[in-house]
N, C-alpha and C. Protein backbone atom coordinates (compact mmCIF):
# COMPACT_ATOMS: atom_id res chain seq x y z
N MET A 1 152.11 42.37 240.97
CA MET A 1 151.16 41.50 240.30
C MET A 1 150.46 42.23 239.16
N LYS A 2 150.18 43.50 239.40
CA LYS A 2 149.51 44.30 238.38
C LYS A 2 150.39 44.43 237.14
N ARG A 3 151.71 44.57 237.36
CA ARG A 3 152.64 44.71 236.25
C ARG A 3 152.70 43.42 235.43
N VAL A 4 152.68 42.28 236.10
CA VAL A 4 152.74 41.00 235.40
C VAL A 4 151.50 40.81 234.52
N VAL A 5 150.34 41.09 235.07
CA VAL A 5 149.09 40.94 234.31
C VAL A 5 149.07 41.92 233.14
N THR A 6 149.48 43.16 233.39
CA THR A 6 149.51 44.17 232.32
C THR A 6 150.49 43.78 231.22
N SER A 7 151.66 43.28 231.61
CA SER A 7 152.66 42.87 230.61
C SER A 7 152.15 41.71 229.78
N ALA A 8 151.53 40.73 230.43
CA ALA A 8 150.98 39.59 229.69
C ALA A 8 149.89 40.05 228.73
N PHE A 9 149.05 40.96 229.18
CA PHE A 9 147.99 41.50 228.34
C PHE A 9 148.58 42.23 227.14
N LEU A 10 149.62 43.04 227.36
CA LEU A 10 150.27 43.77 226.26
C LEU A 10 150.90 42.82 225.24
N ILE A 11 151.54 41.78 225.73
CA ILE A 11 152.16 40.81 224.82
C ILE A 11 151.10 40.16 223.94
N ILE A 12 150.01 39.74 224.55
CA ILE A 12 148.94 39.09 223.78
C ILE A 12 148.29 40.06 222.80
N ILE A 13 148.02 41.29 223.24
CA ILE A 13 147.40 42.29 222.36
C ILE A 13 148.32 42.61 221.18
N CYS A 14 149.60 42.84 221.46
CA CYS A 14 150.54 43.15 220.36
C CYS A 14 150.66 41.97 219.40
N PHE A 15 150.70 40.75 219.93
CA PHE A 15 150.76 39.57 219.07
C PHE A 15 149.52 39.48 218.19
N LEU A 16 148.35 39.70 218.79
CA LEU A 16 147.11 39.63 218.02
C LEU A 16 147.05 40.72 216.95
N PHE A 17 147.45 41.93 217.29
CA PHE A 17 147.46 43.01 216.31
C PHE A 17 148.45 42.71 215.18
N GLN A 18 149.62 42.19 215.53
CA GLN A 18 150.64 41.89 214.52
C GLN A 18 150.16 40.80 213.57
N THR A 19 149.45 39.82 214.09
CA THR A 19 149.06 38.69 213.25
C THR A 19 147.69 38.84 212.59
N THR A 20 146.89 39.81 213.01
CA THR A 20 145.57 39.97 212.39
C THR A 20 145.42 41.31 211.69
N VAL A 21 145.42 42.38 212.45
CA VAL A 21 145.16 43.71 211.90
C VAL A 21 146.24 44.11 210.90
N PHE A 22 147.50 43.95 211.30
CA PHE A 22 148.58 44.39 210.42
C PHE A 22 148.84 43.43 209.26
N LYS A 23 148.34 42.20 209.34
CA LYS A 23 148.39 41.32 208.16
C LYS A 23 147.51 41.90 207.07
N GLY A 24 146.40 42.51 207.47
CA GLY A 24 145.52 43.16 206.50
C GLY A 24 146.08 44.47 206.00
N LEU A 25 146.96 45.10 206.77
CA LEU A 25 147.59 46.36 206.38
C LEU A 25 149.02 46.17 205.89
N SER A 26 149.34 44.96 205.46
CA SER A 26 150.71 44.67 205.03
C SER A 26 151.00 45.30 203.67
N PHE A 27 152.25 45.66 203.49
CA PHE A 27 152.73 46.20 202.21
C PHE A 27 153.68 45.17 201.61
N GLY A 28 153.22 44.48 200.61
CA GLY A 28 154.05 43.47 199.96
C GLY A 28 154.37 42.31 200.89
N GLY A 29 153.45 42.00 201.79
CA GLY A 29 153.68 40.90 202.72
C GLY A 29 154.51 41.28 203.94
N ILE A 30 154.85 42.55 204.06
CA ILE A 30 155.67 43.02 205.19
C ILE A 30 154.75 43.61 206.25
N VAL A 31 154.91 43.14 207.49
CA VAL A 31 154.15 43.67 208.62
C VAL A 31 155.13 44.21 209.66
N PRO A 32 154.71 45.20 210.44
CA PRO A 32 155.61 45.71 211.49
C PRO A 32 155.75 44.68 212.61
N ASN A 33 156.88 44.70 213.25
CA ASN A 33 157.17 43.76 214.32
C ASN A 33 156.83 44.41 215.66
N LEU A 34 155.59 44.29 216.08
CA LEU A 34 155.14 44.90 217.34
C LEU A 34 155.80 44.25 218.54
N LEU A 35 156.13 42.99 218.44
CA LEU A 35 156.77 42.31 219.57
C LEU A 35 158.19 42.83 219.80
N ILE A 36 158.87 43.24 218.74
CA ILE A 36 160.19 43.88 218.91
C ILE A 36 160.02 45.22 219.60
N ILE A 37 159.02 45.98 219.21
CA ILE A 37 158.77 47.27 219.84
C ILE A 37 158.53 47.08 221.33
N LEU A 38 157.72 46.10 221.68
CA LEU A 38 157.40 45.84 223.07
C LEU A 38 158.62 45.35 223.85
N THR A 39 159.37 44.42 223.28
CA THR A 39 160.55 43.89 223.95
C THR A 39 161.59 44.97 224.17
N ALA A 40 161.88 45.74 223.13
CA ALA A 40 162.88 46.79 223.26
C ALA A 40 162.42 47.87 224.24
N SER A 41 161.15 48.24 224.19
CA SER A 41 160.63 49.28 225.08
C SER A 41 160.73 48.86 226.54
N PHE A 42 160.29 47.66 226.84
CA PHE A 42 160.39 47.20 228.22
C PHE A 42 161.84 47.02 228.64
N GLY A 43 162.70 46.66 227.70
CA GLY A 43 164.11 46.51 228.03
C GLY A 43 164.73 47.81 228.49
N PHE A 44 164.61 48.87 227.70
CA PHE A 44 165.28 50.11 228.11
C PHE A 44 164.48 50.90 229.13
N MET A 45 163.20 50.62 229.32
CA MET A 45 162.44 51.31 230.37
C MET A 45 162.63 50.64 231.74
N ARG A 46 162.74 49.31 231.77
CA ARG A 46 162.75 48.58 233.04
C ARG A 46 164.06 47.86 233.34
N GLY A 47 164.94 47.67 232.38
CA GLY A 47 166.22 47.04 232.65
C GLY A 47 166.40 45.69 231.96
N GLU A 48 167.58 45.10 232.19
CA GLU A 48 167.95 43.86 231.49
C GLU A 48 167.03 42.69 231.83
N ARG A 49 166.75 42.52 233.11
CA ARG A 49 165.95 41.37 233.54
C ARG A 49 164.55 41.40 232.92
N THR A 50 163.90 42.55 232.99
CA THR A 50 162.56 42.67 232.43
C THR A 50 162.59 42.51 230.91
N GLY A 51 163.59 43.11 230.26
CA GLY A 51 163.73 42.95 228.82
C GLY A 51 163.92 41.50 228.41
N LEU A 52 164.71 40.78 229.21
CA LEU A 52 164.96 39.37 228.94
C LEU A 52 163.68 38.55 229.09
N ILE A 53 162.92 38.81 230.16
CA ILE A 53 161.70 38.05 230.41
C ILE A 53 160.63 38.36 229.36
N ILE A 54 160.41 39.64 229.09
CA ILE A 54 159.43 40.02 228.07
C ILE A 54 159.86 39.47 226.71
N GLY A 55 161.14 39.54 226.40
CA GLY A 55 161.65 39.00 225.15
C GLY A 55 161.41 37.51 225.02
N PHE A 56 161.61 36.78 226.13
CA PHE A 56 161.37 35.34 226.09
C PHE A 56 159.91 35.04 225.76
N PHE A 57 158.99 35.68 226.46
CA PHE A 57 157.58 35.38 226.24
C PHE A 57 157.10 35.85 224.86
N CYS A 58 157.59 36.99 224.39
CA CYS A 58 157.23 37.43 223.03
C CYS A 58 157.75 36.44 221.99
N GLY A 59 159.01 36.05 222.12
CA GLY A 59 159.61 35.13 221.17
C GLY A 59 159.00 33.74 221.23
N PHE A 60 158.70 33.29 222.45
CA PHE A 60 158.11 31.97 222.59
C PHE A 60 156.72 31.92 221.98
N LEU A 61 155.97 32.99 222.14
CA LEU A 61 154.64 33.08 221.53
C LEU A 61 154.76 33.04 219.99
N ALA A 62 155.73 33.77 219.46
CA ALA A 62 155.96 33.75 218.01
C ALA A 62 156.41 32.36 217.55
N ASP A 63 157.23 31.69 218.36
CA ASP A 63 157.69 30.34 218.01
C ASP A 63 156.54 29.34 217.99
N ILE A 64 155.68 29.44 218.97
CA ILE A 64 154.58 28.48 219.07
C ILE A 64 153.69 28.55 217.84
N PHE A 65 153.40 29.76 217.39
CA PHE A 65 152.44 29.90 216.29
C PHE A 65 153.08 29.91 214.91
N PHE A 66 154.29 30.44 214.78
CA PHE A 66 154.86 30.62 213.44
C PHE A 66 156.28 30.11 213.26
N GLY A 67 156.92 29.68 214.30
CA GLY A 67 158.33 29.32 214.20
C GLY A 67 158.58 27.99 213.54
N ASN A 68 159.67 27.93 212.80
CA ASN A 68 160.10 26.68 212.21
C ASN A 68 160.87 25.86 213.23
N VAL A 69 161.59 26.56 214.10
CA VAL A 69 162.40 25.93 215.13
C VAL A 69 161.93 26.49 216.47
N LEU A 70 161.48 25.62 217.35
CA LEU A 70 160.97 26.07 218.64
C LEU A 70 162.12 26.60 219.50
N GLY A 71 162.01 27.84 219.91
CA GLY A 71 163.02 28.46 220.76
C GLY A 71 163.91 29.46 220.06
N LEU A 72 163.91 29.46 218.74
CA LEU A 72 164.78 30.38 218.01
C LEU A 72 164.36 31.83 218.22
N ASN A 73 163.09 32.12 218.00
CA ASN A 73 162.61 33.49 218.22
C ASN A 73 162.74 33.88 219.69
N ALA A 74 162.48 32.95 220.59
CA ALA A 74 162.60 33.24 222.02
C ALA A 74 164.04 33.65 222.35
N MET A 75 165.00 32.94 221.79
CA MET A 75 166.41 33.27 222.05
C MET A 75 166.77 34.64 221.47
N ILE A 76 166.35 34.91 220.25
CA ILE A 76 166.67 36.19 219.62
C ILE A 76 166.02 37.34 220.37
N TYR A 77 164.75 37.19 220.72
CA TYR A 77 164.06 38.24 221.46
C TYR A 77 164.68 38.45 222.84
N MET A 78 165.13 37.36 223.49
CA MET A 78 165.78 37.50 224.79
C MET A 78 167.06 38.31 224.67
N TYR A 79 167.86 38.03 223.66
CA TYR A 79 169.09 38.80 223.44
C TYR A 79 168.76 40.27 223.21
N ILE A 80 167.74 40.52 222.43
CA ILE A 80 167.35 41.90 222.12
C ILE A 80 166.85 42.61 223.37
N GLY A 81 166.02 41.95 224.15
CA GLY A 81 165.53 42.56 225.39
C GLY A 81 166.64 42.84 226.38
N TYR A 82 167.58 41.90 226.50
CA TYR A 82 168.71 42.09 227.41
C TYR A 82 169.61 43.23 226.94
N ALA A 83 169.90 43.26 225.65
CA ALA A 83 170.77 44.32 225.12
C ALA A 83 170.13 45.69 225.28
N ASN A 84 168.83 45.79 225.08
CA ASN A 84 168.15 47.07 225.28
C ASN A 84 168.12 47.45 226.75
N GLY A 85 168.09 46.48 227.63
CA GLY A 85 168.12 46.76 229.05
C GLY A 85 169.41 47.43 229.49
N LYS A 86 170.48 47.25 228.75
CA LYS A 86 171.76 47.90 229.07
C LYS A 86 171.66 49.42 228.93
N PHE A 87 170.67 49.89 228.17
CA PHE A 87 170.51 51.34 227.95
C PHE A 87 169.57 51.98 228.97
N ASN A 88 169.17 51.22 229.97
CA ASN A 88 168.26 51.73 230.99
C ASN A 88 168.85 52.93 231.73
N ARG A 89 170.15 52.94 231.93
CA ARG A 89 170.79 54.02 232.69
C ARG A 89 170.75 55.36 231.97
N ILE A 90 170.68 55.33 230.65
CA ILE A 90 170.66 56.59 229.90
C ILE A 90 169.29 56.88 229.29
N PHE A 91 168.27 56.16 229.75
CA PHE A 91 166.92 56.34 229.24
C PHE A 91 166.24 57.52 229.93
N PHE A 92 165.70 58.42 229.14
CA PHE A 92 164.89 59.53 229.64
C PHE A 92 163.55 59.47 228.93
N PRO A 93 162.45 59.47 229.69
CA PRO A 93 161.12 59.32 229.06
C PRO A 93 160.78 60.42 228.06
N GLU A 94 161.31 61.63 228.26
CA GLU A 94 160.97 62.74 227.35
C GLU A 94 161.64 62.62 225.99
N ASP A 95 162.75 61.90 225.93
CA ASP A 95 163.56 61.82 224.72
C ASP A 95 163.12 60.62 223.89
N ILE A 96 162.67 60.86 222.67
CA ILE A 96 162.20 59.76 221.82
C ILE A 96 163.28 59.28 220.85
N LYS A 97 164.40 60.00 220.76
CA LYS A 97 165.45 59.61 219.82
C LYS A 97 166.08 58.27 220.20
N LEU A 98 166.39 58.08 221.47
CA LEU A 98 167.00 56.82 221.90
C LEU A 98 166.07 55.63 221.63
N PRO A 99 164.80 55.69 222.03
CA PRO A 99 163.92 54.55 221.72
C PRO A 99 163.80 54.25 220.23
N ILE A 100 163.70 55.28 219.42
CA ILE A 100 163.59 55.06 217.97
C ILE A 100 164.86 54.37 217.44
N CYS A 101 166.01 54.86 217.84
CA CYS A 101 167.29 54.26 217.39
C CYS A 101 167.43 52.83 217.88
N LEU A 102 167.06 52.58 219.15
CA LEU A 102 167.19 51.23 219.69
C LEU A 102 166.20 50.25 219.06
N ILE A 103 165.01 50.71 218.78
CA ILE A 103 164.04 49.81 218.13
C ILE A 103 164.47 49.54 216.69
N PHE A 104 165.01 50.55 216.01
CA PHE A 104 165.55 50.34 214.66
C PHE A 104 166.68 49.31 214.69
N ALA A 105 167.62 49.48 215.63
CA ALA A 105 168.75 48.56 215.75
C ALA A 105 168.27 47.17 216.16
N SER A 106 167.26 47.10 217.01
CA SER A 106 166.72 45.81 217.44
C SER A 106 166.08 45.06 216.28
N ASP A 107 165.34 45.78 215.46
CA ASP A 107 164.71 45.13 214.31
C ASP A 107 165.76 44.69 213.29
N LEU A 108 166.79 45.49 213.12
CA LEU A 108 167.90 45.10 212.25
C LEU A 108 168.60 43.86 212.79
N ALA A 109 168.86 43.84 214.09
CA ALA A 109 169.52 42.68 214.70
C ALA A 109 168.64 41.44 214.58
N TYR A 110 167.33 41.61 214.79
CA TYR A 110 166.42 40.47 214.66
C TYR A 110 166.46 39.90 213.24
N GLY A 111 166.35 40.78 212.26
CA GLY A 111 166.38 40.32 210.87
C GLY A 111 167.68 39.64 210.51
N PHE A 112 168.78 40.20 210.97
CA PHE A 112 170.09 39.64 210.66
C PHE A 112 170.29 38.29 211.36
N LEU A 113 169.95 38.21 212.65
CA LEU A 113 170.10 36.94 213.37
C LEU A 113 169.17 35.87 212.82
N TYR A 114 167.98 36.27 212.42
CA TYR A 114 167.04 35.32 211.82
C TYR A 114 167.59 34.82 210.48
N TYR A 115 168.17 35.71 209.70
CA TYR A 115 168.77 35.32 208.42
C TYR A 115 169.91 34.33 208.65
N ILE A 116 170.78 34.65 209.59
CA ILE A 116 171.93 33.78 209.84
C ILE A 116 171.49 32.39 210.26
N THR A 117 170.54 32.31 211.18
CA THR A 117 170.17 31.00 211.71
C THR A 117 169.29 30.18 210.77
N LEU A 118 168.46 30.83 209.98
CA LEU A 118 167.57 30.03 209.14
C LEU A 118 168.00 29.93 207.68
N PHE A 119 168.71 30.91 207.17
CA PHE A 119 169.04 30.88 205.75
C PHE A 119 170.53 30.64 205.48
N LEU A 120 171.37 31.36 206.16
CA LEU A 120 172.81 31.24 205.90
C LEU A 120 173.33 29.85 206.26
N MET A 121 172.80 29.27 207.33
CA MET A 121 173.23 27.93 207.73
C MET A 121 172.83 26.87 206.71
N ARG A 122 171.85 27.20 205.86
CA ARG A 122 171.43 26.27 204.81
C ARG A 122 171.98 26.67 203.45
N LYS A 123 173.03 27.47 203.46
CA LYS A 123 173.76 27.89 202.25
C LYS A 123 172.91 28.70 201.29
N ARG A 124 172.09 29.58 201.84
CA ARG A 124 171.33 30.53 201.02
C ARG A 124 171.97 31.89 201.24
N PHE A 125 172.78 32.32 200.29
CA PHE A 125 173.63 33.50 200.45
C PHE A 125 173.05 34.75 199.81
N HIS A 126 171.77 34.95 199.85
CA HIS A 126 171.14 36.10 199.22
C HIS A 126 170.87 37.21 200.24
N ILE A 127 171.90 37.65 200.93
CA ILE A 127 171.71 38.64 201.99
C ILE A 127 171.26 39.99 201.41
N GLY A 128 171.75 40.36 200.26
CA GLY A 128 171.34 41.62 199.64
C GLY A 128 169.86 41.64 199.34
N TYR A 129 169.38 40.55 198.76
CA TYR A 129 167.96 40.44 198.45
C TYR A 129 167.14 40.45 199.74
N TYR A 130 167.56 39.68 200.73
CA TYR A 130 166.84 39.59 202.00
C TYR A 130 166.83 40.94 202.70
N PHE A 131 167.95 41.65 202.66
CA PHE A 131 168.02 42.96 203.32
C PHE A 131 167.11 43.98 202.63
N LEU A 132 167.20 44.07 201.31
CA LEU A 132 166.42 45.09 200.59
C LEU A 132 164.93 44.79 200.52
N ASN A 133 164.55 43.53 200.43
CA ASN A 133 163.14 43.20 200.22
C ASN A 133 162.39 42.78 201.47
N ILE A 134 163.09 42.42 202.53
CA ILE A 134 162.39 41.99 203.74
C ILE A 134 162.80 42.83 204.95
N MET A 135 164.09 42.89 205.23
CA MET A 135 164.55 43.57 206.45
C MET A 135 164.30 45.07 206.42
N LEU A 136 164.71 45.74 205.37
CA LEU A 136 164.59 47.20 205.30
C LEU A 136 163.14 47.67 205.31
N PRO A 137 162.24 47.08 204.49
CA PRO A 137 160.84 47.52 204.58
C PRO A 137 160.21 47.25 205.95
N GLU A 138 160.57 46.13 206.56
CA GLU A 138 160.03 45.83 207.89
C GLU A 138 160.54 46.84 208.93
N MET A 139 161.81 47.22 208.83
CA MET A 139 162.35 48.21 209.76
C MET A 139 161.65 49.55 209.61
N VAL A 140 161.43 49.99 208.38
CA VAL A 140 160.75 51.27 208.16
C VAL A 140 159.32 51.22 208.68
N TYR A 141 158.61 50.16 208.38
CA TYR A 141 157.23 50.01 208.83
C TYR A 141 157.17 49.93 210.36
N THR A 142 158.11 49.22 210.96
CA THR A 142 158.15 49.11 212.41
C THR A 142 158.42 50.46 213.06
N ILE A 143 159.30 51.25 212.49
CA ILE A 143 159.60 52.57 213.05
C ILE A 143 158.38 53.48 212.94
N LEU A 144 157.66 53.41 211.83
CA LEU A 144 156.45 54.22 211.69
C LEU A 144 155.39 53.84 212.74
N ILE A 145 155.24 52.57 212.99
CA ILE A 145 154.28 52.13 214.00
C ILE A 145 154.80 52.44 215.41
N THR A 146 156.12 52.45 215.59
CA THR A 146 156.71 52.82 216.88
C THR A 146 156.29 54.22 217.29
N LEU A 147 156.21 55.12 216.33
CA LEU A 147 155.81 56.50 216.65
C LEU A 147 154.41 56.55 217.24
N LEU A 148 153.57 55.56 216.93
CA LEU A 148 152.22 55.50 217.49
C LEU A 148 152.14 54.65 218.76
N LEU A 149 152.85 53.53 218.78
CA LEU A 149 152.74 52.58 219.88
C LEU A 149 153.60 52.94 221.08
N TYR A 150 154.77 53.48 220.85
CA TYR A 150 155.70 53.76 221.95
C TYR A 150 155.13 54.73 222.99
N PRO A 151 154.48 55.84 222.59
CA PRO A 151 153.91 56.72 223.64
C PRO A 151 152.88 56.01 224.51
N LEU A 152 152.14 55.08 223.95
CA LEU A 152 151.16 54.32 224.72
C LEU A 152 151.86 53.42 225.75
N VAL A 153 152.91 52.73 225.33
CA VAL A 153 153.67 51.86 226.24
C VAL A 153 154.34 52.70 227.32
N LEU A 154 154.88 53.85 226.95
CA LEU A 154 155.52 54.74 227.92
C LEU A 154 154.50 55.25 228.95
N TRP A 155 153.32 55.65 228.49
CA TRP A 155 152.27 56.12 229.39
C TRP A 155 151.85 55.01 230.35
N LEU A 156 151.68 53.81 229.82
CA LEU A 156 151.28 52.67 230.65
C LEU A 156 152.35 52.34 231.69
N ASN A 157 153.61 52.40 231.30
CA ASN A 157 154.70 52.14 232.24
C ASN A 157 154.72 53.20 233.35
N LYS A 158 154.49 54.46 232.99
CA LYS A 158 154.46 55.53 233.99
C LYS A 158 153.32 55.32 234.98
N LYS A 159 152.14 54.93 234.49
CA LYS A 159 151.00 54.66 235.37
C LYS A 159 151.30 53.50 236.31
N LEU A 160 151.94 52.46 235.81
CA LEU A 160 152.28 51.32 236.66
C LEU A 160 153.31 51.70 237.72
N GLU A 161 154.30 52.51 237.33
CA GLU A 161 155.30 52.95 238.30
C GLU A 161 154.67 53.82 239.38
N ASP A 162 153.76 54.71 238.99
CA ASP A 162 153.07 55.54 239.98
C ASP A 162 152.24 54.68 240.93
N SER A 163 151.58 53.69 240.40
CA SER A 163 150.78 52.79 241.23
C SER A 163 151.67 52.00 242.20
N GLU A 164 152.83 51.56 241.72
CA GLU A 164 153.76 50.82 242.58
C GLU A 164 154.32 51.71 243.69
N LYS A 165 154.59 52.98 243.37
CA LYS A 165 155.09 53.91 244.38
C LYS A 165 154.03 54.18 245.44
N ARG A 166 152.78 54.35 245.02
CA ARG A 166 151.69 54.59 245.98
C ARG A 166 151.50 53.41 246.91
N SER A 167 151.52 52.21 246.36
CA SER A 167 151.33 51.02 247.20
C SER A 167 152.54 50.77 248.10
N ALA A 168 153.74 51.18 247.68
CA ALA A 168 154.92 51.03 248.51
C ALA A 168 154.88 51.99 249.69
N ARG A 169 154.31 53.19 249.49
CA ARG A 169 154.18 54.17 250.57
C ARG A 169 153.23 53.70 251.65
N LYS A 170 152.28 52.86 251.30
CA LYS A 170 151.32 52.37 252.29
C LYS A 170 152.01 51.49 253.33
N PHE A 171 153.08 50.83 252.96
CA PHE A 171 153.75 49.90 253.86
C PHE A 171 154.90 50.55 254.63
N VAL A 172 155.18 51.80 254.39
CA VAL A 172 156.28 52.48 255.09
C VAL A 172 155.83 53.05 256.40
């Protein structure tokens, strides 16, 4: 129960920071995607199921407030959370290279899937412009913020796991 409440709190806090604080710190209208960081982090730290669930709620929250099509962001975030969950077996908390690479790839996948579903289907073929002016700056900004946010998420996950282990020992 503690994990569910903490996860919901993190999703809401990251959404609020992404839509308020980082809107004020935007560079050319580009803000970091904190929800991708959260979805990918929970995916490779906790597995496919958790990544899928966190991805759904992050995407659905983004759809409710900013989406043109209800469910599109939820679907993309779910795919990203599930795909990152596949890397749970090779995840080591001390190693930051894997999380950085996966969050970079997740943001790239998000941008590309978003482009395909919203622009390419409407015959807007400016992928070079979209990649250079929107996707690439967002990926760089997201990676820079990942260096600050990821250790906090990792620490929180470790505290929750320790708490779960202590409470499990009480029932043995």
